[in-house]
Amino acid sequence: MSSDNITQPTGASVAEFLESVDHPVRRADAAVLLEMMRRITGEKPVMWGDSIVGFGQYHYRYASGREGDFMRTGFSPRKANTAIYIMPGFDDFTDELARLGAHKTGRSCLYITQLKRVDMDVLDAIIAKGWRMMGDRYPV
């Protein structure tokens, strides 16, 4: 059984999307994240859906038989914050999150209102660790 994920890679321009972000802080933070994730992943950014910039891809298969593809990491500048996708979740990130600075987490989302409010070295380490963990779990 394949998935019918709503969020799929598109051919849309990442640059045009980022230029269209209204909020000046989100737009500036997105430029920083774009370069950080390019460096960490060595991958080219791809638009996933209409508002997520993703890097890399993995194929998953659940015990239920559902399977599909999704990005290995990415981010989305939103109105209230920037969501950074740390796909393995945060169970193994307790130490890093304690040192990060102002943030909230969801299942696989790290929500940051302004990059200037977090420790950028710690954020870099979190993204890199999540990227490596996804590579270990889902080898290409």
N, C-alpha and C. Protein backbone atom coordinates (compact mmCIF):
# COMPACT_ATOMS: atom_id res chain seq x y z
N MET A 1 0.86 -1.18 0.00
CA MET A 1 0.00 0.00 0.00
C MET A 1 0.90 1.24 0.00
N SER A 2 0.75 2.11 -0.97
CA SER A 2 1.53 3.33 -0.98
C SER A 2 0.77 4.43 -0.27
N SER A 3 1.50 5.47 0.07
CA SER A 3 0.86 6.56 0.80
C SER A 3 0.25 7.56 -0.16
N ASP A 4 -0.65 8.32 0.34
CA ASP A 4 -1.19 9.45 -0.39
C ASP A 4 -0.82 10.70 0.38
N ASN A 5 0.48 10.85 0.67
CA ASN A 5 0.94 12.03 1.41
C ASN A 5 0.50 13.29 0.68
N ILE A 6 -0.04 14.20 1.43
CA ILE A 6 -0.43 15.48 0.87
C ILE A 6 0.82 16.26 0.47
N THR A 7 1.85 16.18 1.29
CA THR A 7 3.07 16.94 1.06
C THR A 7 4.02 16.14 0.18
N GLN A 8 4.18 16.60 -1.04
CA GLN A 8 5.04 15.96 -2.03
C GLN A 8 6.03 16.98 -2.58
N PRO A 9 7.16 16.50 -3.11
CA PRO A 9 8.08 17.45 -3.74
C PRO A 9 7.43 18.08 -4.97
N THR A 10 7.72 19.33 -5.18
CA THR A 10 7.17 20.04 -6.33
C THR A 10 8.32 20.62 -7.15
N GLY A 11 8.02 21.17 -8.26
CA GLY A 11 9.03 21.82 -9.09
C GLY A 11 9.13 23.30 -8.81
N ALA A 12 8.46 23.77 -7.77
CA ALA A 12 8.44 25.21 -7.47
C ALA A 12 9.84 25.70 -7.09
N SER A 13 10.08 26.96 -7.31
CA SER A 13 11.36 27.58 -7.00
C SER A 13 11.49 27.88 -5.51
N VAL A 14 12.53 27.34 -4.90
CA VAL A 14 12.81 27.63 -3.49
C VAL A 14 13.09 29.12 -3.31
N ALA A 15 13.90 29.68 -4.20
CA ALA A 15 14.25 31.10 -4.10
C ALA A 15 13.01 31.99 -4.18
N GLU A 16 12.12 31.70 -5.12
CA GLU A 16 10.90 32.50 -5.24
C GLU A 16 10.03 32.37 -4.00
N PHE A 17 9.93 31.16 -3.48
CA PHE A 17 9.14 30.97 -2.26
C PHE A 17 9.73 31.80 -1.11
N LEU A 18 11.02 31.71 -0.91
CA LEU A 18 11.63 32.43 0.22
C LEU A 18 11.54 33.94 0.04
N GLU A 19 11.64 34.41 -1.18
CA GLU A 19 11.47 35.85 -1.45
C GLU A 19 10.06 36.31 -1.16
N SER A 20 9.09 35.40 -1.22
CA SER A 20 7.69 35.75 -1.02
C SER A 20 7.27 35.77 0.45
N VAL A 21 8.16 35.34 1.35
CA VAL A 21 7.82 35.32 2.78
C VAL A 21 7.67 36.76 3.25
N ASP A 22 6.47 37.11 3.74
CA ASP A 22 6.17 38.49 4.14
C ASP A 22 6.94 38.96 5.36
N HIS A 23 7.00 38.13 6.38
CA HIS A 23 7.60 38.51 7.65
C HIS A 23 9.12 38.66 7.49
N PRO A 24 9.67 39.85 7.74
CA PRO A 24 11.10 40.08 7.48
C PRO A 24 12.03 39.20 8.33
N VAL A 25 11.66 38.92 9.57
CA VAL A 25 12.50 38.05 10.41
C VAL A 25 12.46 36.62 9.87
N ARG A 26 11.28 36.12 9.51
CA ARG A 26 11.17 34.76 8.98
C ARG A 26 11.95 34.64 7.66
N ARG A 27 11.86 35.68 6.83
CA ARG A 27 12.57 35.67 5.54
C ARG A 27 14.08 35.64 5.77
N ALA A 28 14.59 36.47 6.68
CA ALA A 28 16.03 36.50 6.97
C ALA A 28 16.48 35.19 7.61
N ASP A 29 15.69 34.68 8.56
CA ASP A 29 16.04 33.41 9.20
C ASP A 29 16.04 32.27 8.19
N ALA A 30 15.11 32.31 7.23
CA ALA A 30 15.03 31.26 6.20
C ALA A 30 16.31 31.24 5.35
N ALA A 31 16.84 32.41 5.05
CA ALA A 31 18.08 32.47 4.26
C ALA A 31 19.23 31.82 5.03
N VAL A 32 19.29 32.05 6.33
CA VAL A 32 20.33 31.44 7.16
C VAL A 32 20.14 29.92 7.20
N LEU A 33 18.91 29.46 7.43
CA LEU A 33 18.64 28.02 7.49
C LEU A 33 18.92 27.34 6.15
N LEU A 34 18.60 28.01 5.06
CA LEU A 34 18.85 27.45 3.74
C LEU A 34 20.33 27.11 3.57
N GLU A 35 21.18 28.06 3.91
CA GLU A 35 22.62 27.83 3.77
C GLU A 35 23.13 26.81 4.78
N MET A 36 22.63 26.85 6.00
CA MET A 36 23.04 25.90 7.02
C MET A 36 22.69 24.47 6.59
N MET A 37 21.47 24.27 6.13
CA MET A 37 21.04 22.93 5.74
C MET A 37 21.74 22.46 4.47
N ARG A 38 22.03 23.36 3.55
CA ARG A 38 22.81 22.98 2.36
C ARG A 38 24.18 22.45 2.79
N ARG A 39 24.82 23.16 3.71
CA ARG A 39 26.15 22.77 4.17
C ARG A 39 26.10 21.44 4.91
N ILE A 40 25.15 21.29 5.83
CA ILE A 40 25.05 20.07 6.65
C ILE A 40 24.72 18.85 5.80
N THR A 41 23.77 19.00 4.88
CA THR A 41 23.27 17.84 4.14
C THR A 41 24.03 17.56 2.85
N GLY A 42 24.60 18.59 2.27
CA GLY A 42 25.21 18.43 0.95
C GLY A 42 24.17 18.25 -0.14
N GLU A 43 22.91 18.50 0.20
CA GLU A 43 21.80 18.30 -0.74
C GLU A 43 21.28 19.63 -1.28
N LYS A 44 20.61 19.54 -2.40
CA LYS A 44 19.94 20.68 -3.02
C LYS A 44 18.56 20.84 -2.37
N PRO A 45 18.14 22.07 -2.06
CA PRO A 45 16.81 22.27 -1.49
C PRO A 45 15.71 22.03 -2.53
N VAL A 46 14.61 21.46 -2.04
CA VAL A 46 13.45 21.17 -2.90
C VAL A 46 12.20 21.62 -2.16
N MET A 47 11.27 22.22 -2.86
CA MET A 47 9.98 22.58 -2.26
C MET A 47 9.16 21.31 -2.08
N TRP A 48 8.64 21.14 -0.86
CA TRP A 48 7.70 20.06 -0.55
C TRP A 48 6.38 20.76 -0.25
N GLY A 49 5.37 20.48 -1.04
CA GLY A 49 4.12 21.21 -0.90
C GLY A 49 4.37 22.66 -1.25
N ASP A 50 3.55 23.54 -0.71
CA ASP A 50 3.69 24.95 -1.07
C ASP A 50 4.45 25.78 -0.04
N SER A 51 4.92 25.16 1.07
CA SER A 51 5.55 26.00 2.09
C SER A 51 6.70 25.36 2.86
N ILE A 52 7.20 24.20 2.41
CA ILE A 52 8.29 23.54 3.12
C ILE A 52 9.49 23.40 2.19
N VAL A 53 10.65 23.82 2.69
CA VAL A 53 11.91 23.64 1.97
C VAL A 53 12.56 22.39 2.55
N GLY A 54 12.70 21.35 1.73
CA GLY A 54 13.21 20.08 2.22
C GLY A 54 14.55 19.72 1.62
N PHE A 55 15.27 18.87 2.35
CA PHE A 55 16.59 18.40 1.92
C PHE A 55 16.62 16.88 2.06
N GLY A 56 17.08 16.22 1.01
CA GLY A 56 17.17 14.78 1.04
C GLY A 56 15.80 14.13 1.03
N GLN A 57 15.81 12.81 1.06
CA GLN A 57 14.55 12.07 1.01
C GLN A 57 14.79 10.69 1.60
N TYR A 58 13.76 10.11 2.15
CA TYR A 58 13.84 8.73 2.63
C TYR A 58 12.54 8.01 2.32
N HIS A 59 12.62 6.70 2.28
CA HIS A 59 11.45 5.87 2.03
C HIS A 59 11.11 5.14 3.32
N TYR A 60 9.87 5.24 3.75
CA TYR A 60 9.44 4.56 4.97
C TYR A 60 8.40 3.50 4.64
N ARG A 61 8.33 2.51 5.51
CA ARG A 61 7.32 1.46 5.38
C ARG A 61 6.89 1.09 6.80
N TYR A 62 5.62 1.26 7.10
CA TYR A 62 5.08 0.92 8.41
C TYR A 62 4.61 -0.53 8.44
N ALA A 63 4.46 -1.07 9.65
CA ALA A 63 3.97 -2.44 9.82
C ALA A 63 2.59 -2.61 9.18
N SER A 64 1.82 -1.54 9.11
CA SER A 64 0.48 -1.59 8.51
C SER A 64 0.52 -1.79 7.00
N GLY A 65 1.72 -1.61 6.42
CA GLY A 65 1.85 -1.73 4.97
C GLY A 65 1.91 -0.37 4.28
N ARG A 66 1.55 0.66 5.00
CA ARG A 66 1.63 2.00 4.41
C ARG A 66 3.09 2.35 4.19
N GLU A 67 3.38 2.94 3.05
CA GLU A 67 4.74 3.36 2.77
C GLU A 67 4.73 4.63 1.93
N GLY A 68 5.85 5.30 1.91
CA GLY A 68 5.95 6.52 1.13
C GLY A 68 7.32 7.14 1.25
N ASP A 69 7.44 8.34 0.75
CA ASP A 69 8.69 9.08 0.76
C ASP A 69 8.46 10.43 1.42
N PHE A 70 9.49 10.89 2.11
CA PHE A 70 9.42 12.22 2.72
C PHE A 70 10.83 12.80 2.81
N MET A 71 10.92 14.07 3.08
CA MET A 71 12.22 14.73 3.20
C MET A 71 12.92 14.26 4.48
N ARG A 72 14.25 14.30 4.47
CA ARG A 72 15.02 13.91 5.67
C ARG A 72 15.15 15.06 6.66
N THR A 73 15.13 16.28 6.19
CA THR A 73 15.11 17.46 7.05
C THR A 73 14.60 18.63 6.22
N GLY A 74 14.27 19.71 6.89
CA GLY A 74 13.78 20.88 6.17
C GLY A 74 13.25 21.92 7.12
N PHE A 75 12.64 22.96 6.56
CA PHE A 75 12.08 24.02 7.38
C PHE A 75 10.95 24.71 6.64
N SER A 76 10.14 25.41 7.43
CA SER A 76 9.03 26.16 6.86
C SER A 76 8.85 27.47 7.63
N PRO A 77 9.07 28.60 6.97
CA PRO A 77 8.82 29.89 7.63
C PRO A 77 7.31 30.14 7.69
N ARG A 78 6.79 30.19 8.89
CA ARG A 78 5.35 30.39 9.09
C ARG A 78 5.11 31.76 9.71
N LYS A 79 3.85 32.13 9.87
CA LYS A 79 3.53 33.44 10.43
C LYS A 79 4.04 33.60 11.86
N ALA A 80 3.80 32.61 12.71
CA ALA A 80 4.13 32.74 14.13
C ALA A 80 5.55 32.31 14.46
N ASN A 81 6.15 31.47 13.61
CA ASN A 81 7.48 30.95 13.91
C ASN A 81 8.03 30.26 12.66
N THR A 82 9.24 29.74 12.80
CA THR A 82 9.81 28.89 11.76
C THR A 82 9.80 27.48 12.30
N ALA A 83 9.28 26.55 11.52
CA ALA A 83 9.28 25.14 11.89
C ALA A 83 10.49 24.49 11.22
N ILE A 84 11.30 23.81 12.04
CA ILE A 84 12.46 23.08 11.53
C ILE A 84 12.15 21.60 11.75
N TYR A 85 12.24 20.82 10.68
CA TYR A 85 11.86 19.42 10.73
C TYR A 85 13.04 18.54 11.11
N ILE A 86 12.98 17.99 12.31
CA ILE A 86 13.97 17.04 12.82
C ILE A 86 13.24 15.69 12.83
N MET A 87 13.34 14.97 11.74
CA MET A 87 12.46 13.84 11.48
C MET A 87 12.56 12.68 12.47
N PRO A 88 13.70 12.44 13.14
CA PRO A 88 13.68 11.34 14.11
C PRO A 88 12.93 11.67 15.39
N GLY A 89 12.46 12.90 15.54
CA GLY A 89 11.84 13.31 16.80
C GLY A 89 12.91 13.74 17.78
N PHE A 90 12.54 13.95 19.03
CA PHE A 90 13.46 14.59 19.97
C PHE A 90 13.86 13.75 21.17
N ASP A 91 13.53 12.46 21.17
CA ASP A 91 13.87 11.61 22.30
C ASP A 91 15.37 11.61 22.60
N ASP A 92 16.20 11.69 21.57
CA ASP A 92 17.66 11.64 21.74
C ASP A 92 18.31 13.02 21.72
N PHE A 93 17.55 14.06 21.99
CA PHE A 93 18.07 15.43 21.89
C PHE A 93 17.93 16.22 23.19
N THR A 94 17.76 15.56 24.31
CA THR A 94 17.52 16.25 25.58
C THR A 94 18.62 17.26 25.91
N ASP A 95 19.87 16.84 25.82
CA ASP A 95 20.98 17.74 26.15
C ASP A 95 21.03 18.94 25.23
N GLU A 96 20.88 18.69 23.93
CA GLU A 96 20.93 19.79 22.96
C GLU A 96 19.79 20.79 23.17
N LEU A 97 18.59 20.27 23.39
CA LEU A 97 17.44 21.16 23.57
C LEU A 97 17.59 22.00 24.83
N ALA A 98 18.22 21.45 25.86
CA ALA A 98 18.43 22.19 27.11
C ALA A 98 19.37 23.38 26.89
N ARG A 99 20.23 23.30 25.89
CA ARG A 99 21.20 24.36 25.61
C ARG A 99 20.80 25.26 24.45
N LEU A 100 19.72 24.94 23.76
CA LEU A 100 19.36 25.63 22.53
C LEU A 100 18.93 27.08 22.73
N GLY A 101 18.10 27.34 23.71
CA GLY A 101 17.50 28.66 23.85
C GLY A 101 16.00 28.56 23.58
N ALA A 102 15.39 29.70 23.31
CA ALA A 102 13.92 29.78 23.18
C ALA A 102 13.40 28.94 22.02
N HIS A 103 12.58 27.92 22.34
CA HIS A 103 12.01 27.04 21.33
C HIS A 103 10.83 26.28 21.92
N LYS A 104 10.08 25.65 21.03
CA LYS A 104 9.04 24.68 21.40
C LYS A 104 9.23 23.49 20.47
N THR A 105 8.70 22.34 20.88
CA THR A 105 8.80 21.18 20.01
C THR A 105 7.43 20.54 19.81
N GLY A 106 7.28 19.90 18.67
CA GLY A 106 6.15 19.03 18.37
C GLY A 106 6.73 17.66 18.13
N ARG A 107 6.01 16.79 17.48
CA ARG A 107 6.51 15.42 17.26
C ARG A 107 7.86 15.42 16.54
N SER A 108 7.95 16.09 15.41
CA SER A 108 9.21 16.18 14.66
C SER A 108 9.53 17.61 14.27
N CYS A 109 8.86 18.57 14.89
CA CYS A 109 9.05 19.98 14.56
C CYS A 109 9.67 20.74 15.72
N LEU A 110 10.66 21.51 15.38
CA LEU A 110 11.30 22.43 16.32
C LEU A 110 10.81 23.82 15.91
N TYR A 111 10.11 24.50 16.81
CA TYR A 111 9.54 25.81 16.50
C TYR A 111 10.40 26.90 17.12
N ILE A 112 10.86 27.82 16.28
CA ILE A 112 11.71 28.92 16.72
C ILE A 112 11.13 30.21 16.18
N THR A 113 10.96 31.21 17.07
CA THR A 113 10.42 32.48 16.60
C THR A 113 11.49 33.36 15.96
N GLN A 114 12.71 33.31 16.48
CA GLN A 114 13.81 34.10 15.91
C GLN A 114 15.12 33.34 16.14
N LEU A 115 15.91 33.20 15.09
CA LEU A 115 17.19 32.51 15.24
C LEU A 115 18.11 33.23 16.22
N LYS A 116 17.96 34.55 16.33
CA LYS A 116 18.84 35.28 17.25
C LYS A 116 18.58 34.91 18.71
N ARG A 117 17.50 34.19 18.98
CA ARG A 117 17.17 33.78 20.35
C ARG A 117 17.65 32.37 20.68
N VAL A 118 18.37 31.74 19.75
CA VAL A 118 18.90 30.40 20.01
C VAL A 118 20.41 30.38 19.78
N ASP A 119 21.04 29.35 20.33
CA ASP A 119 22.47 29.13 20.13
C ASP A 119 22.63 28.44 18.77
N MET A 120 23.22 29.15 17.82
CA MET A 120 23.30 28.64 16.46
C MET A 120 24.19 27.40 16.35
N ASP A 121 25.21 27.29 17.19
CA ASP A 121 26.05 26.09 17.17
C ASP A 121 25.25 24.87 17.61
N VAL A 122 24.40 25.06 18.61
CA VAL A 122 23.55 23.96 19.09
C VAL A 122 22.52 23.60 18.02
N LEU A 123 21.92 24.60 17.38
CA LEU A 123 20.96 24.32 16.31
C LEU A 123 21.64 23.55 15.19
N ASP A 124 22.82 23.96 14.81
CA ASP A 124 23.59 23.27 13.78
C ASP A 124 23.79 21.80 14.18
N ALA A 125 24.16 21.57 15.44
CA ALA A 125 24.39 20.21 15.92
C ALA A 125 23.11 19.37 15.91
N ILE A 126 21.98 19.99 16.25
CA ILE A 126 20.69 19.28 16.25
C ILE A 126 20.33 18.85 14.82
N ILE A 127 20.44 19.77 13.88
CA ILE A 127 20.10 19.46 12.49
C ILE A 127 21.02 18.36 11.96
N ALA A 128 22.32 18.48 12.24
CA ALA A 128 23.30 17.49 11.77
C ALA A 128 23.04 16.12 12.39
N LYS A 129 22.73 16.09 13.68
CA LYS A 129 22.45 14.81 14.36
C LYS A 129 21.19 14.17 13.80
N GLY A 130 20.15 14.96 13.60
CA GLY A 130 18.92 14.44 13.01
C GLY A 130 19.16 13.88 11.62
N TRP A 131 19.96 14.58 10.83
CA TRP A 131 20.30 14.14 9.47
C TRP A 131 21.03 12.79 9.52
N ARG A 132 22.01 12.68 10.41
CA ARG A 132 22.76 11.41 10.54
C ARG A 132 21.85 10.28 11.01
N MET A 133 20.99 10.56 11.98
CA MET A 133 20.08 9.54 12.49
C MET A 133 19.16 9.03 11.38
N MET A 134 18.67 9.92 10.56
CA MET A 134 17.79 9.50 9.45
C MET A 134 18.57 8.66 8.45
N GLY A 135 19.83 9.00 8.21
CA GLY A 135 20.67 8.21 7.32
C GLY A 135 20.91 6.81 7.86
N ASP A 136 21.05 6.71 9.19
CA ASP A 136 21.25 5.41 9.83
C ASP A 136 19.98 4.56 9.76
N ARG A 137 18.84 5.20 9.98
CA ARG A 137 17.56 4.48 9.98
C ARG A 137 17.08 4.11 8.59
N TYR A 138 17.37 5.00 7.64
CA TYR A 138 16.88 4.81 6.27
C TYR A 138 18.04 5.01 5.29
N PRO A 139 18.94 4.04 5.22
CA PRO A 139 20.08 4.19 4.30
C PRO A 139 19.59 4.35 2.86
N VAL A 140 20.29 5.17 2.12
CA VAL A 140 19.91 5.41 0.72
C VAL A 140 20.37 4.26 -0.13
